[in-house]
Amino acid sequence: MFLCRLAFFSRRNWYFDTPDENNGILRSILGAGLRNNAKRGLSGVLVVDGNLFVQILEGPRVTLSTTFCRIQNDTRHGGLVLAGFEEVSDRLFPDWSVVVRDAPKTIREVPWIPEPEAATYDTLVHNAHRLLKSGSEFKRITLERELP
């Protein structure tokens, strides 16, 4: 088995009038990852920062490829860009986590990555790892915790 890591970003592709409707779509995306990724041998992190998704996935090469193709075809993601895909010797993200920006409004208005199109693969991986470890203005969601 080849252990690989990929990083991509995309933007939310849905907009409803009420927060409940918007949060319902987000819950379905987060719930699917929390339920399915570990079963497939995938680990990583999904960072949700407003309309921006940054996802780092680790696992077997074939499973990563299949999962990424499924995500590319998911109409809830817009402007999806693969930042990088590489073989790795160890997992940097041994579990599956979701972190959602949970900052005061004044901080939330400054995006986590102002220009994701200019961010490198290494920058996305490093920042996602740093955010997962810091937990300062993000909340970590696991299978045991309720989704936002």
N, C-alpha and C. Protein backbone atom coordinates (compact mmCIF):
# COMPACT_ATOMS: atom_id res chain seq x y z
N MET A 1 0.85 -1.18 0.00
CA MET A 1 0.00 0.00 0.00
C MET A 1 0.89 1.25 0.00
N PHE A 2 0.58 2.16 -0.87
CA PHE A 2 1.27 3.45 -0.90
C PHE A 2 0.47 4.44 -0.06
N LEU A 3 1.11 4.95 1.00
CA LEU A 3 0.47 5.96 1.83
C LEU A 3 0.70 7.32 1.17
N CYS A 4 -0.37 8.04 0.95
CA CYS A 4 -0.27 9.33 0.25
C CYS A 4 -1.03 10.40 1.02
N ARG A 5 -0.73 11.63 0.66
CA ARG A 5 -1.42 12.79 1.23
C ARG A 5 -1.81 13.71 0.08
N LEU A 6 -3.01 14.27 0.17
CA LEU A 6 -3.41 15.28 -0.81
C LEU A 6 -3.99 16.47 -0.07
N ALA A 7 -3.91 17.61 -0.71
CA ALA A 7 -4.47 18.85 -0.16
C ALA A 7 -5.23 19.56 -1.27
N PHE A 8 -6.41 20.05 -0.94
CA PHE A 8 -7.17 20.84 -1.90
C PHE A 8 -7.96 21.90 -1.17
N PHE A 9 -8.44 22.84 -1.91
CA PHE A 9 -9.36 23.82 -1.35
C PHE A 9 -10.50 24.00 -2.32
N SER A 10 -11.62 24.42 -1.78
CA SER A 10 -12.80 24.72 -2.59
C SER A 10 -13.62 25.77 -1.85
N ARG A 11 -14.66 26.21 -2.50
CA ARG A 11 -15.54 27.20 -1.88
C ARG A 11 -16.96 26.64 -1.82
N ARG A 12 -17.65 27.09 -0.80
CA ARG A 12 -19.05 26.69 -0.62
C ARG A 12 -19.81 27.10 -1.87
N ASN A 13 -20.64 26.18 -2.36
CA ASN A 13 -21.37 26.42 -3.60
C ASN A 13 -22.88 26.43 -3.34
N TRP A 14 -23.28 26.80 -2.14
CA TRP A 14 -24.70 26.90 -1.83
C TRP A 14 -24.93 28.13 -0.96
N TYR A 15 -26.07 28.73 -1.17
CA TYR A 15 -26.45 29.91 -0.40
C TYR A 15 -27.95 29.91 -0.22
N PHE A 16 -28.38 29.83 1.02
CA PHE A 16 -29.79 29.86 1.34
C PHE A 16 -30.08 31.11 2.17
N ASP A 17 -31.35 31.41 2.31
CA ASP A 17 -31.76 32.61 3.04
C ASP A 17 -31.63 32.47 4.55
N THR A 18 -31.71 31.24 5.05
CA THR A 18 -31.68 31.08 6.51
C THR A 18 -30.42 30.33 6.95
N PRO A 19 -29.91 30.67 8.13
CA PRO A 19 -28.74 29.95 8.67
C PRO A 19 -29.01 28.46 8.84
N ASP A 20 -30.25 28.10 9.20
CA ASP A 20 -30.57 26.68 9.40
C ASP A 20 -30.38 25.88 8.11
N GLU A 21 -30.83 26.45 6.99
CA GLU A 21 -30.66 25.76 5.71
C GLU A 21 -29.18 25.64 5.35
N ASN A 22 -28.43 26.73 5.50
CA ASN A 22 -27.00 26.69 5.21
C ASN A 22 -26.28 25.69 6.10
N ASN A 23 -26.59 25.70 7.41
CA ASN A 23 -25.95 24.78 8.34
C ASN A 23 -26.35 23.33 8.07
N GLY A 24 -27.53 23.11 7.54
CA GLY A 24 -27.96 21.75 7.20
C GLY A 24 -27.07 21.14 6.13
N ILE A 25 -26.75 21.92 5.11
CA ILE A 25 -25.86 21.43 4.05
C ILE A 25 -24.47 21.17 4.63
N LEU A 26 -23.96 22.09 5.42
CA LEU A 26 -22.65 21.92 6.03
C LEU A 26 -22.64 20.67 6.92
N ARG A 27 -23.69 20.46 7.71
CA ARG A 27 -23.78 19.27 8.56
C ARG A 27 -23.71 18.00 7.74
N SER A 28 -24.36 17.98 6.57
CA SER A 28 -24.35 16.76 5.76
C SER A 28 -22.95 16.47 5.22
N ILE A 29 -22.20 17.50 4.83
CA ILE A 29 -20.82 17.31 4.37
C ILE A 29 -19.94 16.81 5.51
N LEU A 30 -20.02 17.49 6.66
CA LEU A 30 -19.19 17.12 7.80
C LEU A 30 -19.54 15.72 8.31
N GLY A 31 -20.82 15.43 8.38
CA GLY A 31 -21.25 14.12 8.87
C GLY A 31 -20.78 12.99 7.99
N ALA A 32 -20.82 13.17 6.68
CA ALA A 32 -20.36 12.12 5.76
C ALA A 32 -18.88 11.83 5.97
N GLY A 33 -18.07 12.87 6.11
CA GLY A 33 -16.64 12.67 6.35
C GLY A 33 -16.38 11.98 7.68
N LEU A 34 -17.08 12.42 8.72
CA LEU A 34 -16.89 11.82 10.03
C LEU A 34 -17.32 10.36 10.07
N ARG A 35 -18.36 10.01 9.33
CA ARG A 35 -18.84 8.63 9.30
C ARG A 35 -18.00 7.73 8.42
N ASN A 36 -17.55 8.23 7.27
CA ASN A 36 -17.01 7.35 6.24
C ASN A 36 -15.50 7.29 6.13
N ASN A 37 -14.79 8.35 6.46
CA ASN A 37 -13.36 8.37 6.18
C ASN A 37 -12.57 7.32 6.94
N ALA A 38 -12.82 7.17 8.23
CA ALA A 38 -12.08 6.18 9.01
C ALA A 38 -12.32 4.77 8.47
N LYS A 39 -13.55 4.47 8.06
CA LYS A 39 -13.88 3.15 7.50
C LYS A 39 -13.06 2.86 6.25
N ARG A 40 -12.72 3.90 5.53
CA ARG A 40 -11.98 3.75 4.27
C ARG A 40 -10.46 3.85 4.46
N GLY A 41 -10.03 3.98 5.71
CA GLY A 41 -8.60 4.09 5.98
C GLY A 41 -8.05 5.48 5.73
N LEU A 42 -8.94 6.48 5.69
CA LEU A 42 -8.52 7.85 5.46
C LEU A 42 -8.45 8.61 6.77
N SER A 43 -7.48 9.46 6.87
CA SER A 43 -7.36 10.38 7.99
C SER A 43 -7.11 11.76 7.41
N GLY A 44 -7.11 12.76 8.27
CA GLY A 44 -6.86 14.11 7.78
C GLY A 44 -7.66 15.13 8.53
N VAL A 45 -7.85 16.25 7.88
CA VAL A 45 -8.59 17.34 8.50
C VAL A 45 -9.32 18.14 7.42
N LEU A 46 -10.51 18.58 7.77
CA LEU A 46 -11.27 19.50 6.94
C LEU A 46 -11.40 20.78 7.73
N VAL A 47 -10.87 21.87 7.19
CA VAL A 47 -10.96 23.17 7.84
C VAL A 47 -12.03 23.97 7.11
N VAL A 48 -13.01 24.44 7.84
CA VAL A 48 -14.08 25.25 7.29
C VAL A 48 -13.90 26.66 7.83
N ASP A 49 -13.67 27.60 6.93
CA ASP A 49 -13.47 29.00 7.31
C ASP A 49 -14.41 29.84 6.47
N GLY A 50 -15.61 30.07 6.97
CA GLY A 50 -16.61 30.81 6.19
C GLY A 50 -16.99 30.01 4.96
N ASN A 51 -16.73 30.57 3.78
CA ASN A 51 -17.06 29.91 2.52
C ASN A 51 -15.94 29.03 1.99
N LEU A 52 -14.81 29.01 2.67
CA LEU A 52 -13.63 28.28 2.20
C LEU A 52 -13.51 26.94 2.91
N PHE A 53 -13.25 25.90 2.13
CA PHE A 53 -12.92 24.57 2.65
C PHE A 53 -11.46 24.29 2.29
N VAL A 54 -10.67 23.87 3.26
CA VAL A 54 -9.32 23.36 3.01
C VAL A 54 -9.32 21.96 3.58
N GLN A 55 -8.97 21.00 2.73
CA GLN A 55 -9.00 19.61 3.18
C GLN A 55 -7.66 18.95 2.90
N ILE A 56 -7.17 18.25 3.92
CA ILE A 56 -5.98 17.42 3.80
C ILE A 56 -6.45 16.00 4.06
N LEU A 57 -6.16 15.10 3.14
CA LEU A 57 -6.54 13.70 3.28
C LEU A 57 -5.29 12.83 3.19
N GLU A 58 -5.24 11.78 4.00
CA GLU A 58 -4.15 10.82 3.98
C GLU A 58 -4.73 9.41 3.92
N GLY A 59 -4.05 8.54 3.19
CA GLY A 59 -4.50 7.16 3.11
C GLY A 59 -3.93 6.47 1.90
N PRO A 60 -4.47 5.28 1.59
CA PRO A 60 -4.01 4.53 0.42
C PRO A 60 -4.25 5.32 -0.87
N ARG A 61 -3.32 5.24 -1.78
CA ARG A 61 -3.38 6.03 -3.02
C ARG A 61 -4.69 5.83 -3.78
N VAL A 62 -5.11 4.60 -3.96
CA VAL A 62 -6.34 4.33 -4.72
C VAL A 62 -7.55 4.92 -4.02
N THR A 63 -7.63 4.77 -2.70
CA THR A 63 -8.75 5.31 -1.95
C THR A 63 -8.78 6.84 -2.02
N LEU A 64 -7.60 7.46 -1.91
CA LEU A 64 -7.53 8.93 -2.03
C LEU A 64 -8.02 9.39 -3.40
N SER A 65 -7.56 8.71 -4.43
CA SER A 65 -7.96 9.09 -5.79
C SER A 65 -9.46 8.98 -5.98
N THR A 66 -10.02 7.88 -5.53
CA THR A 66 -11.47 7.65 -5.65
C THR A 66 -12.25 8.70 -4.86
N THR A 67 -11.80 8.98 -3.65
CA THR A 67 -12.48 9.97 -2.80
C THR A 67 -12.40 11.36 -3.42
N PHE A 68 -11.23 11.73 -3.92
CA PHE A 68 -11.08 13.05 -4.52
C PHE A 68 -11.97 13.19 -5.76
N CYS A 69 -12.08 12.14 -6.57
CA CYS A 69 -12.97 12.19 -7.75
C CYS A 69 -14.42 12.39 -7.31
N ARG A 70 -14.83 11.72 -6.23
CA ARG A 70 -16.20 11.88 -5.73
C ARG A 70 -16.42 13.33 -5.26
N ILE A 71 -15.44 13.90 -4.55
CA ILE A 71 -15.56 15.27 -4.06
C ILE A 71 -15.62 16.25 -5.23
N GLN A 72 -14.81 16.00 -6.27
CA GLN A 72 -14.83 16.88 -7.45
C GLN A 72 -16.21 16.94 -8.09
N ASN A 73 -16.94 15.83 -8.02
CA ASN A 73 -18.27 15.77 -8.64
C ASN A 73 -19.39 16.23 -7.72
N ASP A 74 -19.05 16.61 -6.49
CA ASP A 74 -20.04 17.06 -5.52
C ASP A 74 -20.35 18.54 -5.81
N THR A 75 -21.58 18.82 -6.19
CA THR A 75 -21.95 20.18 -6.60
C THR A 75 -21.97 21.17 -5.44
N ARG A 76 -21.81 20.69 -4.22
CA ARG A 76 -21.75 21.60 -3.07
C ARG A 76 -20.39 22.30 -2.98
N HIS A 77 -19.41 21.81 -3.73
CA HIS A 77 -18.07 22.41 -3.77
C HIS A 77 -17.91 23.15 -5.09
N GLY A 78 -17.46 24.39 -5.02
CA GLY A 78 -17.19 25.16 -6.23
C GLY A 78 -15.73 25.57 -6.29
N GLY A 79 -15.21 25.71 -7.47
CA GLY A 79 -13.83 26.19 -7.63
C GLY A 79 -12.80 25.30 -6.97
N LEU A 80 -13.01 24.00 -7.00
CA LEU A 80 -12.10 23.06 -6.34
C LEU A 80 -10.74 23.07 -7.03
N VAL A 81 -9.67 23.17 -6.23
CA VAL A 81 -8.30 23.17 -6.76
C VAL A 81 -7.47 22.18 -5.96
N LEU A 82 -6.86 21.23 -6.66
CA LEU A 82 -5.93 20.30 -6.04
C LEU A 82 -4.59 21.01 -5.89
N ALA A 83 -4.14 21.19 -4.64
CA ALA A 83 -2.87 21.88 -4.40
C ALA A 83 -1.68 20.93 -4.45
N GLY A 84 -1.90 19.66 -4.17
CA GLY A 84 -0.81 18.70 -4.21
C GLY A 84 -1.23 17.32 -3.80
N PHE A 85 -0.46 16.33 -4.26
CA PHE A 85 -0.71 14.92 -3.98
C PHE A 85 0.66 14.27 -3.96
N GLU A 86 1.02 13.64 -2.82
CA GLU A 86 2.34 13.04 -2.75
C GLU A 86 2.34 11.78 -1.90
N GLU A 87 3.32 10.93 -2.14
CA GLU A 87 3.54 9.77 -1.30
C GLU A 87 4.25 10.23 -0.04
N VAL A 88 3.85 9.69 1.12
CA VAL A 88 4.45 10.06 2.40
C VAL A 88 4.80 8.79 3.18
N SER A 89 5.73 8.93 4.11
CA SER A 89 6.14 7.76 4.90
C SER A 89 5.26 7.58 6.13
N ASP A 90 4.74 8.69 6.67
CA ASP A 90 3.91 8.64 7.88
C ASP A 90 2.75 9.60 7.77
N ARG A 91 1.74 9.34 8.58
CA ARG A 91 0.60 10.25 8.63
C ARG A 91 0.93 11.43 9.54
N LEU A 92 0.63 12.61 9.06
CA LEU A 92 0.73 13.81 9.88
C LEU A 92 -0.57 14.01 10.66
N PHE A 93 -1.66 13.49 10.10
CA PHE A 93 -3.00 13.57 10.70
C PHE A 93 -3.50 12.14 10.92
N PRO A 94 -3.19 11.53 12.07
CA PRO A 94 -3.53 10.12 12.27
C PRO A 94 -5.02 9.85 12.46
N ASP A 95 -5.80 10.87 12.80
CA ASP A 95 -7.24 10.72 13.00
C ASP A 95 -7.96 11.53 11.93
N TRP A 96 -9.28 11.46 11.96
CA TRP A 96 -10.07 12.31 11.08
C TRP A 96 -10.72 13.39 11.93
N SER A 97 -10.51 14.64 11.56
CA SER A 97 -11.07 15.76 12.31
C SER A 97 -11.66 16.79 11.36
N VAL A 98 -12.56 17.54 11.90
CA VAL A 98 -13.12 18.69 11.21
C VAL A 98 -12.93 19.87 12.15
N VAL A 99 -12.42 20.97 11.65
CA VAL A 99 -12.34 22.17 12.46
C VAL A 99 -13.11 23.27 11.74
N VAL A 100 -13.95 23.93 12.49
CA VAL A 100 -14.79 24.99 11.94
C VAL A 100 -14.40 26.28 12.64
N ARG A 101 -14.18 27.30 11.89
CA ARG A 101 -13.78 28.58 12.47
C ARG A 101 -14.87 29.05 13.42
N ASP A 102 -14.48 29.30 14.62
CA ASP A 102 -15.40 29.70 15.67
C ASP A 102 -14.78 30.90 16.36
N ALA A 103 -14.70 31.99 15.64
CA ALA A 103 -13.99 33.17 16.13
C ALA A 103 -14.98 34.32 16.32
N PRO A 104 -14.59 35.29 17.12
CA PRO A 104 -15.42 36.50 17.21
C PRO A 104 -15.54 37.14 15.82
N LYS A 105 -16.64 37.80 15.59
CA LYS A 105 -16.93 38.36 14.28
C LYS A 105 -15.79 39.24 13.74
N THR A 106 -15.16 40.03 14.60
CA THR A 106 -14.09 40.92 14.13
C THR A 106 -12.90 40.13 13.60
N ILE A 107 -12.61 38.98 14.20
CA ILE A 107 -11.51 38.14 13.71
C ILE A 107 -11.96 37.34 12.50
N ARG A 108 -13.19 36.87 12.52
CA ARG A 108 -13.72 36.03 11.45
C ARG A 108 -13.69 36.73 10.10
N GLU A 109 -13.79 38.06 10.11
CA GLU A 109 -13.80 38.80 8.85
C GLU A 109 -12.45 38.76 8.15
N VAL A 110 -11.38 38.45 8.86
CA VAL A 110 -10.06 38.29 8.26
C VAL A 110 -9.90 36.81 7.92
N PRO A 111 -9.86 36.44 6.65
CA PRO A 111 -9.83 35.03 6.30
C PRO A 111 -8.55 34.34 6.76
N TRP A 112 -8.67 33.04 7.02
CA TRP A 112 -7.54 32.22 7.44
C TRP A 112 -6.45 32.24 6.38
N ILE A 113 -6.82 32.03 5.14
CA ILE A 113 -5.88 32.13 4.02
C ILE A 113 -6.48 33.16 3.07
N PRO A 114 -5.96 34.38 3.06
CA PRO A 114 -6.57 35.45 2.27
C PRO A 114 -6.65 35.13 0.78
N GLU A 115 -5.64 34.49 0.23
CA GLU A 115 -5.63 34.15 -1.20
C GLU A 115 -5.26 32.68 -1.36
N PRO A 116 -6.21 31.77 -1.19
CA PRO A 116 -5.87 30.34 -1.26
C PRO A 116 -5.26 29.94 -2.60
N GLU A 117 -5.63 30.65 -3.66
CA GLU A 117 -5.08 30.33 -4.97
C GLU A 117 -3.56 30.51 -5.00
N ALA A 118 -3.02 31.36 -4.13
CA ALA A 118 -1.59 31.61 -4.08
C ALA A 118 -0.88 30.73 -3.05
N ALA A 119 -1.63 29.96 -2.25
CA ALA A 119 -1.02 29.11 -1.22
C ALA A 119 -0.46 27.84 -1.85
N THR A 120 0.70 27.42 -1.37
CA THR A 120 1.29 26.18 -1.86
C THR A 120 0.73 24.99 -1.09
N TYR A 121 0.98 23.82 -1.61
CA TYR A 121 0.60 22.58 -0.95
C TYR A 121 1.18 22.55 0.47
N ASP A 122 2.48 22.84 0.60
CA ASP A 122 3.13 22.82 1.91
C ASP A 122 2.49 23.82 2.87
N THR A 123 2.11 24.98 2.38
CA THR A 123 1.48 25.99 3.23
C THR A 123 0.13 25.48 3.74
N LEU A 124 -0.67 24.89 2.86
CA LEU A 124 -1.97 24.37 3.28
C LEU A 124 -1.82 23.28 4.34
N VAL A 125 -0.90 22.34 4.11
CA VAL A 125 -0.69 21.25 5.06
C VAL A 125 -0.19 21.80 6.40
N HIS A 126 0.79 22.68 6.34
CA HIS A 126 1.36 23.25 7.57
C HIS A 126 0.30 24.01 8.36
N ASN A 127 -0.45 24.87 7.69
CA ASN A 127 -1.46 25.67 8.38
C ASN A 127 -2.58 24.81 8.95
N ALA A 128 -3.01 23.79 8.21
CA ALA A 128 -4.05 22.90 8.72
C ALA A 128 -3.55 22.17 9.97
N HIS A 129 -2.31 21.73 9.95
CA HIS A 129 -1.74 21.04 11.11
C HIS A 129 -1.63 21.99 12.30
N ARG A 130 -1.16 23.19 12.04
CA ARG A 130 -1.03 24.20 13.10
C ARG A 130 -2.40 24.52 13.72
N LEU A 131 -3.40 24.71 12.87
CA LEU A 131 -4.74 25.04 13.37
C LEU A 131 -5.33 23.90 14.19
N LEU A 132 -5.12 22.69 13.74
CA LEU A 132 -5.65 21.54 14.46
C LEU A 132 -5.03 21.44 15.84
N LYS A 133 -3.76 21.76 15.94
CA LYS A 133 -3.07 21.69 17.23
C LYS A 133 -3.40 22.88 18.14
N SER A 134 -3.66 24.05 17.55
CA SER A 134 -3.84 25.24 18.38
C SER A 134 -5.22 25.30 19.02
N GLY A 135 -6.25 25.12 18.22
CA GLY A 135 -7.60 25.15 18.73
C GLY A 135 -8.06 26.49 19.28
N SER A 136 -7.32 27.55 19.05
CA SER A 136 -7.64 28.83 19.67
C SER A 136 -8.94 29.43 19.15
N GLU A 137 -9.07 29.63 17.86
CA GLU A 137 -10.30 30.23 17.35
C GLU A 137 -11.09 29.25 16.50
N PHE A 138 -10.80 27.99 16.66
CA PHE A 138 -11.51 26.95 15.93
C PHE A 138 -12.06 25.95 16.93
N LYS A 139 -13.13 25.29 16.54
CA LYS A 139 -13.57 24.19 17.37
C LYS A 139 -13.38 22.90 16.58
N ARG A 140 -12.89 21.91 17.26
CA ARG A 140 -12.64 20.63 16.64
C ARG A 140 -13.89 19.77 16.79
N ILE A 141 -14.26 19.12 15.73
CA ILE A 141 -15.44 18.26 15.74
C ILE A 141 -14.97 16.84 15.50
N THR A 142 -15.40 15.94 16.37
CA THR A 142 -15.10 14.53 16.20
C THR A 142 -16.43 13.78 16.18
N LEU A 143 -16.38 12.48 16.04
CA LEU A 143 -17.60 11.70 16.01
C LEU A 143 -18.43 11.87 17.28
N GLU A 144 -17.76 12.12 18.40
CA GLU A 144 -18.47 12.24 19.67
C GLU A 144 -19.14 13.59 19.87
N ARG A 145 -18.72 14.59 19.12
CA ARG A 145 -19.24 15.95 19.33
C ARG A 145 -20.29 16.29 18.30
N GLU A 146 -21.19 17.12 18.68
CA GLU A 146 -22.27 17.55 17.80
C GLU A 146 -21.72 18.50 16.73
N LEU A 147 -22.27 18.38 15.55
CA LEU A 147 -21.89 19.27 14.46
C LEU A 147 -22.54 20.62 14.67
N PRO A 148 -21.91 21.70 14.11
CA PRO A 148 -22.48 23.05 14.29
C PRO A 148 -23.83 23.18 13.62
